Amino acid sequence: MQQPVKIYTLSTCSHCRSTKKLLDECNVKYEFTDVDLLSDEEKKIIIEDVRKLNPQCTFPTIVIGNNVIVGFDETKIRKALGL
């Protein structure tokens, strides 16, 4: 059974697109939130959540099970996924 995967991204971010592409290529199911496309109120709530995981609030912020990975790091992502 796959661990839950959630990523917080920006629609214009190349590292965020690379993260989605890697997960797609590995056939990993994931949820994502393009933070920049949210309404102001939703954005405020989500950014508070991201700051709890990643105080710098940078993107992508990737949550795989209990692991938080900040930025696109293919090695760390694959390791957290057990690939």
N, C-alpha and C. Protein backbone atom coordinates (compact mmCIF):
# COMPACT_ATOMS: atom_id res chain seq x y z
N MET A 1 0.85 -1.19 0.00
CA MET A 1 0.00 0.00 0.00
C MET A 1 0.89 1.25 0.00
N GLN A 2 0.58 2.15 -0.86
CA GLN A 2 1.36 3.38 -1.01
C GLN A 2 1.04 4.35 0.13
N GLN A 3 2.09 5.01 0.62
CA GLN A 3 1.90 6.08 1.60
C GLN A 3 1.17 7.24 0.93
N PRO A 4 0.41 8.01 1.70
CA PRO A 4 -0.22 9.19 1.08
C PRO A 4 0.84 10.20 0.66
N VAL A 5 0.63 10.80 -0.50
CA VAL A 5 1.55 11.80 -1.03
C VAL A 5 0.76 13.07 -1.31
N LYS A 6 1.23 14.17 -0.73
CA LYS A 6 0.59 15.49 -0.92
C LYS A 6 1.70 16.47 -1.26
N ILE A 7 1.49 17.26 -2.31
CA ILE A 7 2.48 18.27 -2.65
C ILE A 7 1.82 19.63 -2.74
N TYR A 8 2.53 20.60 -2.22
CA TYR A 8 2.13 22.00 -2.31
C TYR A 8 3.01 22.65 -3.35
N THR A 9 2.40 23.21 -4.38
CA THR A 9 3.13 23.69 -5.54
C THR A 9 2.67 25.07 -5.97
N LEU A 10 3.41 25.63 -6.90
CA LEU A 10 3.01 26.84 -7.61
C LEU A 10 2.84 26.46 -9.07
N SER A 11 1.84 26.96 -9.72
CA SER A 11 1.56 26.57 -11.11
C SER A 11 2.67 26.99 -12.07
N THR A 12 3.45 27.99 -11.70
CA THR A 12 4.49 28.53 -12.59
C THR A 12 5.89 28.01 -12.27
N CYS A 13 6.01 27.13 -11.29
CA CYS A 13 7.32 26.69 -10.77
C CYS A 13 7.84 25.47 -11.53
N SER A 14 9.04 25.60 -12.12
CA SER A 14 9.62 24.49 -12.88
C SER A 14 9.96 23.31 -11.97
N HIS A 15 10.41 23.56 -10.74
CA HIS A 15 10.72 22.46 -9.81
C HIS A 15 9.44 21.72 -9.41
N CYS A 16 8.36 22.46 -9.29
CA CYS A 16 7.07 21.84 -8.97
C CYS A 16 6.61 20.95 -10.13
N ARG A 17 6.77 21.44 -11.35
CA ARG A 17 6.41 20.62 -12.53
C ARG A 17 7.29 19.37 -12.60
N SER A 18 8.58 19.51 -12.28
CA SER A 18 9.48 18.34 -12.28
C SER A 18 9.05 17.31 -11.25
N THR A 19 8.59 17.78 -10.09
CA THR A 19 8.12 16.87 -9.04
C THR A 19 6.89 16.10 -9.52
N LYS A 20 5.92 16.80 -10.10
CA LYS A 20 4.71 16.13 -10.62
C LYS A 20 5.08 15.13 -11.71
N LYS A 21 6.00 15.53 -12.59
CA LYS A 21 6.41 14.65 -13.69
C LYS A 21 7.05 13.37 -13.14
N LEU A 22 7.94 13.50 -12.15
CA LEU A 22 8.57 12.33 -11.55
C LEU A 22 7.53 11.42 -10.92
N LEU A 23 6.60 11.97 -10.16
CA LEU A 23 5.57 11.15 -9.53
C LEU A 23 4.71 10.45 -10.58
N ASP A 24 4.38 11.17 -11.66
CA ASP A 24 3.60 10.56 -12.75
C ASP A 24 4.38 9.42 -13.39
N GLU A 25 5.67 9.64 -13.66
CA GLU A 25 6.50 8.61 -14.30
C GLU A 25 6.63 7.37 -13.42
N CYS A 26 6.59 7.56 -12.09
CA CYS A 26 6.69 6.44 -11.15
C CYS A 26 5.32 5.85 -10.81
N ASN A 27 4.27 6.33 -11.50
CA ASN A 27 2.90 5.87 -11.26
C ASN A 27 2.49 6.02 -9.80
N VAL A 28 2.88 7.14 -9.19
CA VAL A 28 2.52 7.43 -7.81
C VAL A 28 1.27 8.31 -7.80
N LYS A 29 0.29 7.89 -7.02
CA LYS A 29 -0.91 8.72 -6.86
C LYS A 29 -0.58 9.79 -5.84
N TYR A 30 -1.01 11.02 -6.13
CA TYR A 30 -0.72 12.12 -5.23
C TYR A 30 -1.80 13.18 -5.34
N GLU A 31 -1.91 13.96 -4.28
CA GLU A 31 -2.77 15.14 -4.29
C GLU A 31 -1.85 16.34 -4.38
N PHE A 32 -2.27 17.35 -5.09
CA PHE A 32 -1.47 18.57 -5.13
C PHE A 32 -2.36 19.78 -5.01
N THR A 33 -1.77 20.84 -4.50
CA THR A 33 -2.44 22.13 -4.40
C THR A 33 -1.55 23.18 -5.03
N ASP A 34 -2.03 23.78 -6.12
CA ASP A 34 -1.32 24.92 -6.72
C ASP A 34 -1.71 26.15 -5.90
N VAL A 35 -0.85 26.50 -4.95
CA VAL A 35 -1.18 27.52 -3.96
C VAL A 35 -1.48 28.87 -4.62
N ASP A 36 -0.76 29.20 -5.69
CA ASP A 36 -0.95 30.50 -6.34
C ASP A 36 -2.30 30.63 -7.05
N LEU A 37 -3.00 29.52 -7.25
CA LEU A 37 -4.29 29.56 -7.94
C LEU A 37 -5.47 29.60 -6.98
N LEU A 38 -5.20 29.58 -5.69
CA LEU A 38 -6.28 29.60 -4.69
C LEU A 38 -6.80 31.02 -4.49
N SER A 39 -8.00 31.10 -3.93
CA SER A 39 -8.52 32.41 -3.54
C SER A 39 -7.66 32.94 -2.40
N ASP A 40 -7.71 34.23 -2.15
CA ASP A 40 -6.89 34.83 -1.09
C ASP A 40 -7.12 34.16 0.26
N GLU A 41 -8.37 33.89 0.57
CA GLU A 41 -8.68 33.27 1.87
C GLU A 41 -8.13 31.85 1.95
N GLU A 42 -8.35 31.06 0.89
CA GLU A 42 -7.82 29.69 0.86
C GLU A 42 -6.29 29.70 0.92
N LYS A 43 -5.70 30.62 0.18
CA LYS A 43 -4.24 30.72 0.13
C LYS A 43 -3.66 30.97 1.52
N LYS A 44 -4.30 31.85 2.27
CA LYS A 44 -3.83 32.18 3.63
C LYS A 44 -3.83 30.93 4.51
N ILE A 45 -4.89 30.14 4.44
CA ILE A 45 -5.02 28.93 5.26
C ILE A 45 -3.96 27.91 4.84
N ILE A 46 -3.80 27.68 3.55
CA ILE A 46 -2.85 26.68 3.06
C ILE A 46 -1.42 27.10 3.38
N ILE A 47 -1.10 28.38 3.24
CA ILE A 47 0.26 28.84 3.54
C ILE A 47 0.58 28.62 5.02
N GLU A 48 -0.40 28.79 5.89
CA GLU A 48 -0.18 28.48 7.32
C GLU A 48 0.17 27.00 7.49
N ASP A 49 -0.54 26.13 6.77
CA ASP A 49 -0.25 24.69 6.82
C ASP A 49 1.15 24.39 6.29
N VAL A 50 1.52 25.01 5.18
CA VAL A 50 2.84 24.78 4.58
C VAL A 50 3.93 25.23 5.55
N ARG A 51 3.74 26.38 6.20
CA ARG A 51 4.75 26.89 7.15
C ARG A 51 5.00 25.94 8.31
N LYS A 52 3.98 25.18 8.71
CA LYS A 52 4.15 24.18 9.78
C LYS A 52 5.09 23.07 9.32
N LEU A 53 5.03 22.75 8.04
CA LEU A 53 5.87 21.68 7.47
C LEU A 53 7.23 22.21 7.04
N ASN A 54 7.24 23.43 6.53
CA ASN A 54 8.42 24.03 5.91
C ASN A 54 8.40 25.53 6.27
N PRO A 55 9.08 25.89 7.37
CA PRO A 55 9.02 27.29 7.84
C PRO A 55 9.42 28.33 6.80
N GLN A 56 10.26 27.95 5.81
CA GLN A 56 10.64 28.89 4.76
C GLN A 56 9.52 29.10 3.76
N CYS A 57 8.53 28.21 3.76
CA CYS A 57 7.37 28.28 2.87
C CYS A 57 7.81 28.37 1.41
N THR A 58 8.69 27.45 1.02
CA THR A 58 9.15 27.38 -0.36
C THR A 58 8.47 26.21 -1.06
N PHE A 59 8.58 26.20 -2.38
CA PHE A 59 7.86 25.20 -3.17
C PHE A 59 8.80 24.50 -4.13
N PRO A 60 8.53 23.23 -4.41
CA PRO A 60 7.46 22.43 -3.84
C PRO A 60 7.77 22.00 -2.40
N THR A 61 6.72 21.83 -1.63
CA THR A 61 6.81 21.18 -0.32
C THR A 61 6.07 19.87 -0.50
N ILE A 62 6.80 18.77 -0.28
CA ILE A 62 6.30 17.43 -0.59
C ILE A 62 6.14 16.66 0.72
N VAL A 63 4.99 16.06 0.92
CA VAL A 63 4.75 15.25 2.11
C VAL A 63 4.47 13.82 1.63
N ILE A 64 5.37 12.91 2.03
CA ILE A 64 5.22 11.49 1.69
C ILE A 64 5.16 10.74 3.01
N GLY A 65 3.96 10.29 3.37
CA GLY A 65 3.79 9.67 4.68
C GLY A 65 4.14 10.70 5.75
N ASN A 66 5.16 10.39 6.58
CA ASN A 66 5.62 11.32 7.62
C ASN A 66 6.83 12.11 7.19
N ASN A 67 7.29 11.93 5.95
CA ASN A 67 8.48 12.63 5.46
C ASN A 67 8.09 13.92 4.76
N VAL A 68 8.82 14.99 5.09
CA VAL A 68 8.64 16.27 4.40
C VAL A 68 9.92 16.54 3.61
N ILE A 69 9.75 16.76 2.32
CA ILE A 69 10.88 17.07 1.44
C ILE A 69 10.62 18.45 0.87
N VAL A 70 11.62 19.30 0.99
CA VAL A 70 11.49 20.68 0.50
C VAL A 70 12.30 20.79 -0.78
N GLY A 71 11.63 21.20 -1.85
CA GLY A 71 12.31 21.34 -3.13
C GLY A 71 12.31 20.02 -3.89
N PHE A 72 12.71 20.11 -5.16
CA PHE A 72 12.75 18.91 -6.00
C PHE A 72 14.09 18.21 -5.79
N ASP A 73 14.06 17.09 -5.08
CA ASP A 73 15.24 16.28 -4.82
C ASP A 73 14.87 14.84 -5.17
N GLU A 74 15.18 14.46 -6.41
CA GLU A 74 14.73 13.15 -6.90
C GLU A 74 15.18 12.00 -6.00
N THR A 75 16.42 12.05 -5.51
CA THR A 75 16.93 10.99 -4.66
C THR A 75 16.11 10.86 -3.38
N LYS A 76 15.85 11.98 -2.72
CA LYS A 76 15.06 11.94 -1.47
C LYS A 76 13.63 11.50 -1.74
N ILE A 77 13.06 11.96 -2.84
CA ILE A 77 11.68 11.58 -3.17
C ILE A 77 11.60 10.07 -3.41
N ARG A 78 12.51 9.55 -4.23
CA ARG A 78 12.51 8.11 -4.51
C ARG A 78 12.72 7.30 -3.23
N LYS A 79 13.62 7.75 -2.37
CA LYS A 79 13.88 7.04 -1.12
C LYS A 79 12.64 7.02 -0.24
N ALA A 80 11.98 8.18 -0.10
CA ALA A 80 10.76 8.26 0.73
C ALA A 80 9.65 7.38 0.18
N LEU A 81 9.63 7.22 -1.16
CA LEU A 81 8.61 6.37 -1.79
C LEU A 81 8.99 4.90 -1.77
N GLY A 82 10.24 4.61 -1.40
CA GLY A 82 10.71 3.22 -1.41
C GLY A 82 10.99 2.72 -2.81
N LEU A 83 11.41 3.62 -3.71
CA LEU A 83 11.69 3.24 -5.11
C LEU A 83 13.18 3.11 -5.34
